[in-house]
């Protein structure tokens, strides 16, 4: 563990100061921040694993039909209309 901090050139006093500043700044939110950090690392690892799987097996299921889920559908009609703006005469800026 000491080799990790030796990379950054931090001694025990510097680490203690950083920990105290972190506790003062984040206080009660520190457990939540740790939880969010853990979740984000887990999601990142899952994404990397999926990417590695795609690179290892790029053609897995490429020739198999998926039951129509990938079929092209015609565009759907939207019943919404564009907003209508009334043409107002341009007012020159007053000096």
N, C-alpha and C. Protein backbone atom coordinates (compact mmCIF):
# COMPACT_ATOMS: atom_id res chain seq x y z
N UNK A 1 0.83 -1.19 0.00
CA UNK A 1 0.00 0.00 0.00
C UNK A 1 0.87 1.25 0.00
N UNK A 2 2.00 1.16 0.64
CA UNK A 2 2.86 2.33 0.69
C UNK A 2 3.46 2.65 -0.68
N UNK A 3 3.57 1.63 -1.56
CA UNK A 3 4.11 1.89 -2.88
C UNK A 3 3.14 2.72 -3.73
N UNK A 4 1.83 2.56 -3.46
CA UNK A 4 0.84 3.35 -4.19
C UNK A 4 0.99 4.83 -3.88
N UNK A 5 1.14 5.16 -2.62
CA UNK A 5 1.28 6.55 -2.24
C UNK A 5 2.68 7.09 -2.54
N UNK A 6 3.65 6.19 -2.68
CA UNK A 6 4.99 6.62 -3.04
C UNK A 6 5.02 7.13 -4.47
N UNK A 7 4.09 6.63 -5.29
CA UNK A 7 4.02 7.10 -6.67
C UNK A 7 3.67 8.58 -6.70
N UNK A 8 2.74 8.96 -5.84
CA UNK A 8 2.31 10.36 -5.80
C UNK A 8 3.20 11.21 -4.90
N UNK A 9 4.12 10.60 -4.20
CA UNK A 9 5.02 11.33 -3.34
C UNK A 9 4.34 11.84 -2.07
N UNK A 10 3.34 11.11 -1.57
CA UNK A 10 2.61 11.52 -0.37
C UNK A 10 3.13 10.76 0.84
N UNK A 11 3.37 11.49 1.90
CA UNK A 11 3.75 10.88 3.15
C UNK A 11 2.53 10.72 4.04
N UNK A 12 2.72 10.17 5.24
CA UNK A 12 1.59 9.95 6.15
C UNK A 12 0.90 11.26 6.58
N UNK A 13 1.65 12.33 6.76
CA UNK A 13 1.04 13.60 7.16
C UNK A 13 0.18 14.17 6.05
N UNK A 14 0.65 14.10 4.82
CA UNK A 14 -0.13 14.62 3.69
C UNK A 14 -1.42 13.83 3.51
N UNK A 15 -1.34 12.51 3.68
CA UNK A 15 -2.54 11.68 3.57
C UNK A 15 -3.52 12.02 4.67
N UNK A 16 -3.04 12.23 5.90
CA UNK A 16 -3.91 12.59 7.01
C UNK A 16 -4.59 13.93 6.76
N UNK A 17 -3.87 14.89 6.22
CA UNK A 17 -4.45 16.21 5.92
C UNK A 17 -5.53 16.08 4.85
N UNK A 18 -5.27 15.28 3.81
CA UNK A 18 -6.26 15.08 2.75
C UNK A 18 -7.52 14.41 3.30
N UNK A 19 -7.35 13.43 4.18
CA UNK A 19 -8.51 12.75 4.78
C UNK A 19 -9.32 13.72 5.64
N UNK A 20 -8.66 14.55 6.44
CA UNK A 20 -9.36 15.52 7.28
C UNK A 20 -10.11 16.53 6.43
N UNK A 21 -9.48 17.03 5.38
CA UNK A 21 -10.15 17.98 4.49
C UNK A 21 -11.35 17.32 3.81
N UNK A 22 -11.19 16.07 3.40
CA UNK A 22 -12.31 15.34 2.78
C UNK A 22 -13.47 15.19 3.73
N UNK A 23 -13.20 14.88 5.00
CA UNK A 23 -14.27 14.73 5.99
C UNK A 23 -14.93 16.08 6.26
N UNK A 24 -14.14 17.15 6.34
CA UNK A 24 -14.72 18.47 6.58
C UNK A 24 -15.59 18.93 5.41
N UNK A 25 -15.14 18.67 4.19
CA UNK A 25 -15.88 19.12 3.02
C UNK A 25 -17.15 18.30 2.79
N UNK A 26 -17.04 16.98 2.88
CA UNK A 26 -18.14 16.13 2.49
C UNK A 26 -18.94 15.58 3.66
N UNK A 27 -18.37 15.48 4.83
CA UNK A 27 -19.05 15.09 6.05
C UNK A 27 -20.08 13.99 5.90
N UNK A 28 -21.36 14.36 6.02
CA UNK A 28 -22.44 13.37 6.00
C UNK A 28 -22.66 12.76 4.62
N UNK A 29 -22.20 13.42 3.59
CA UNK A 29 -22.42 12.91 2.23
C UNK A 29 -21.36 11.89 1.82
N UNK A 30 -20.36 11.68 2.67
CA UNK A 30 -19.27 10.77 2.33
C UNK A 30 -19.75 9.34 2.07
N UNK A 31 -20.64 8.75 2.89
CA UNK A 31 -21.12 7.40 2.57
C UNK A 31 -21.89 7.34 1.25
N UNK A 32 -22.70 8.36 0.98
CA UNK A 32 -23.43 8.40 -0.30
C UNK A 32 -22.47 8.50 -1.47
N UNK A 33 -21.44 9.30 -1.33
CA UNK A 33 -20.47 9.45 -2.41
C UNK A 33 -19.74 8.13 -2.65
N UNK A 34 -19.40 7.42 -1.59
CA UNK A 34 -18.77 6.11 -1.73
C UNK A 34 -19.68 5.12 -2.43
N UNK A 35 -20.97 5.16 -2.08
CA UNK A 35 -21.95 4.27 -2.71
C UNK A 35 -22.07 4.58 -4.20
N UNK A 36 -22.18 5.86 -4.54
CA UNK A 36 -22.28 6.24 -5.94
C UNK A 36 -21.01 5.87 -6.71
N UNK A 37 -19.87 6.04 -6.08
CA UNK A 37 -18.61 5.69 -6.73
C UNK A 37 -18.54 4.19 -6.98
N UNK A 38 -18.98 3.39 -6.00
CA UNK A 38 -19.00 1.94 -6.17
C UNK A 38 -19.93 1.51 -7.29
N UNK A 39 -21.12 2.14 -7.34
CA UNK A 39 -22.08 1.80 -8.40
C UNK A 39 -21.53 2.17 -9.77
N UNK A 40 -20.88 3.33 -9.86
CA UNK A 40 -20.35 3.76 -11.16
C UNK A 40 -19.21 2.85 -11.61
N UNK A 41 -18.38 2.41 -10.69
CA UNK A 41 -17.30 1.49 -11.04
C UNK A 41 -17.87 0.16 -11.52
N UNK A 42 -18.93 -0.33 -10.83
CA UNK A 42 -19.57 -1.58 -11.23
C UNK A 42 -20.17 -1.46 -12.62
N UNK A 43 -20.87 -0.36 -12.90
CA UNK A 43 -21.46 -0.16 -14.21
C UNK A 43 -20.38 -0.05 -15.29
N UNK A 44 -19.28 0.61 -14.97
CA UNK A 44 -18.18 0.73 -15.92
C UNK A 44 -17.61 -0.64 -16.25
N UNK A 45 -17.43 -1.47 -15.22
CA UNK A 45 -16.90 -2.82 -15.45
C UNK A 45 -17.86 -3.65 -16.29
N UNK A 46 -19.17 -3.53 -16.03
CA UNK A 46 -20.16 -4.26 -16.83
C UNK A 46 -20.09 -3.82 -18.28
N UNK A 47 -19.97 -2.53 -18.51
CA UNK A 47 -19.86 -2.01 -19.87
C UNK A 47 -18.61 -2.51 -20.57
N UNK A 48 -17.50 -2.53 -19.85
CA UNK A 48 -16.26 -3.02 -20.44
C UNK A 48 -16.36 -4.51 -20.74
N UNK A 49 -17.02 -5.27 -19.87
CA UNK A 49 -17.20 -6.70 -20.11
C UNK A 49 -18.06 -6.93 -21.34
N UNK A 50 -19.14 -6.14 -21.49
CA UNK A 50 -19.98 -6.25 -22.67
C UNK A 50 -19.22 -5.89 -23.93
N UNK A 51 -18.37 -4.89 -23.85
CA UNK A 51 -17.56 -4.48 -24.99
C UNK A 51 -16.56 -5.58 -25.36
N UNK A 52 -15.95 -6.18 -24.34
CA UNK A 52 -15.01 -7.28 -24.60
C UNK A 52 -15.73 -8.47 -25.21
N UNK A 53 -16.95 -8.77 -24.73
CA UNK A 53 -17.72 -9.87 -25.29
C UNK A 53 -18.05 -9.61 -26.75
N UNK A 54 -18.41 -8.36 -27.08
CA UNK A 54 -18.71 -8.00 -28.46
C UNK A 54 -17.47 -8.13 -29.35
N UNK A 55 -16.32 -7.80 -28.82
CA UNK A 55 -15.09 -7.92 -29.61
C UNK A 55 -14.68 -9.38 -29.78
N UNK A 56 -14.92 -10.21 -28.75
CA UNK A 56 -14.56 -11.62 -28.83
C UNK A 56 -15.47 -12.38 -29.78
N UNK A 57 -16.77 -12.08 -29.77
CA UNK A 57 -17.76 -12.80 -30.57
C UNK A 57 -18.58 -11.80 -31.37
N UNK A 58 -18.00 -11.20 -32.41
CA UNK A 58 -18.74 -10.16 -33.14
C UNK A 58 -19.91 -10.67 -33.95
N UNK A 59 -19.87 -11.93 -34.43
CA UNK A 59 -20.93 -12.44 -35.30
C UNK A 59 -21.90 -13.33 -34.57
N UNK A 60 -21.92 -13.33 -33.27
CA UNK A 60 -22.83 -14.19 -32.52
C UNK A 60 -24.25 -13.72 -32.73
N UNK A 61 -25.04 -14.53 -33.39
CA UNK A 61 -26.44 -14.22 -33.61
C UNK A 61 -26.67 -13.29 -34.79
N UNK A 62 -25.68 -13.05 -35.62
CA UNK A 62 -25.87 -12.13 -36.74
C UNK A 62 -26.75 -12.75 -37.82
N UNK A 63 -26.69 -14.07 -38.01
CA UNK A 63 -27.47 -14.72 -39.05
C UNK A 63 -28.77 -15.31 -38.54
N UNK A 64 -29.06 -15.17 -37.27
CA UNK A 64 -30.26 -15.76 -36.70
C UNK A 64 -31.37 -14.73 -36.66
N UNK A 65 -32.61 -15.13 -37.05
CA UNK A 65 -33.72 -14.19 -36.95
C UNK A 65 -34.07 -13.94 -35.49
N UNK A 66 -34.48 -12.71 -35.19
CA UNK A 66 -34.78 -12.34 -33.82
C UNK A 66 -36.27 -12.25 -33.56
N UNK A 67 -37.08 -12.77 -34.45
CA UNK A 67 -38.51 -12.76 -34.22
C UNK A 67 -39.17 -11.45 -34.62
N UNK A 68 -38.57 -10.68 -35.49
CA UNK A 68 -39.18 -9.46 -35.99
C UNK A 68 -38.90 -8.22 -35.18
N UNK A 69 -38.06 -8.31 -34.18
CA UNK A 69 -37.78 -7.13 -33.35
C UNK A 69 -36.94 -6.11 -34.12
N UNK A 70 -36.15 -6.58 -35.09
CA UNK A 70 -35.27 -5.67 -35.83
C UNK A 70 -35.83 -5.27 -37.19
N UNK A 71 -37.08 -5.59 -37.46
CA UNK A 71 -37.66 -5.25 -38.75
C UNK A 71 -37.87 -3.75 -38.83
N UNK A 72 -37.74 -3.23 -40.04
CA UNK A 72 -37.92 -1.80 -40.26
C UNK A 72 -39.41 -1.49 -40.30
N UNK A 73 -39.83 -0.52 -39.53
CA UNK A 73 -41.24 -0.12 -39.48
C UNK A 73 -41.42 1.19 -40.24
N UNK A 74 -42.58 1.38 -40.82
CA UNK A 74 -42.82 2.66 -41.50
C UNK A 74 -42.91 3.78 -40.46
N UNK A 75 -42.62 5.00 -40.86
CA UNK A 75 -42.70 6.12 -39.91
C UNK A 75 -44.12 6.32 -39.42
N UNK A 76 -44.26 6.72 -38.18
CA UNK A 76 -45.57 6.93 -37.59
C UNK A 76 -45.98 8.38 -37.77
N UNK A 77 -47.28 8.58 -37.91
CA UNK A 77 -47.79 9.95 -38.04
C UNK A 77 -47.90 10.58 -36.67
N UNK A 78 -47.54 11.84 -36.61
CA UNK A 78 -47.64 12.60 -35.37
C UNK A 78 -48.75 13.61 -35.54
N UNK A 79 -49.68 13.64 -34.58
CA UNK A 79 -50.84 14.51 -34.70
C UNK A 79 -50.56 15.93 -34.20
N UNK A 80 -49.40 16.20 -33.71
CA UNK A 80 -49.09 17.52 -33.18
C UNK A 80 -48.86 18.51 -34.32
N UNK A 81 -49.20 19.75 -34.09
CA UNK A 81 -48.97 20.79 -35.08
C UNK A 81 -47.92 21.75 -34.56
N UNK A 82 -47.32 22.45 -35.48
CA UNK A 82 -46.31 23.43 -35.11
C UNK A 82 -46.99 24.65 -34.50
N UNK A 83 -46.34 25.31 -33.57
CA UNK A 83 -46.95 26.51 -32.98
C UNK A 83 -47.09 27.61 -34.03
N UNK A 84 -48.16 28.35 -33.92
CA UNK A 84 -48.41 29.43 -34.87
C UNK A 84 -48.04 30.75 -34.22
N UNK A 85 -47.23 31.51 -34.93
CA UNK A 85 -46.81 32.80 -34.42
C UNK A 85 -47.45 33.89 -35.27
N UNK A 86 -47.90 34.91 -34.62
CA UNK A 86 -48.48 36.03 -35.36
C UNK A 86 -47.36 36.96 -35.78
N UNK A 87 -47.46 37.44 -36.99
CA UNK A 87 -46.45 38.37 -37.49
C UNK A 87 -46.68 39.73 -36.85
N UNK A 88 -45.75 40.13 -36.03
CA UNK A 88 -45.84 41.43 -35.37
C UNK A 88 -44.89 42.37 -36.11
N UNK A 89 -45.27 43.63 -36.26
CA UNK A 89 -44.39 44.57 -36.93
C UNK A 89 -43.11 44.77 -36.12
N UNK A 90 -42.01 44.85 -36.82
CA UNK A 90 -40.72 45.04 -36.16
C UNK A 90 -40.65 46.44 -35.57
N UNK A 91 -40.26 46.51 -34.31
CA UNK A 91 -40.14 47.79 -33.62
C UNK A 91 -38.67 48.15 -33.59
N UNK A 92 -38.29 49.30 -34.17
CA UNK A 92 -36.87 49.67 -34.13
C UNK A 92 -36.47 50.02 -32.70
N UNK A 93 -35.24 49.72 -32.34
CA UNK A 93 -34.77 50.03 -30.99
C UNK A 93 -34.70 51.55 -30.79
N UNK A 94 -35.13 51.96 -29.64
CA UNK A 94 -35.12 53.40 -29.32
C UNK A 94 -33.80 53.77 -28.70
N UNK A 95 -33.29 54.91 -29.08
CA UNK A 95 -31.97 55.35 -28.59
C UNK A 95 -32.12 56.32 -27.47
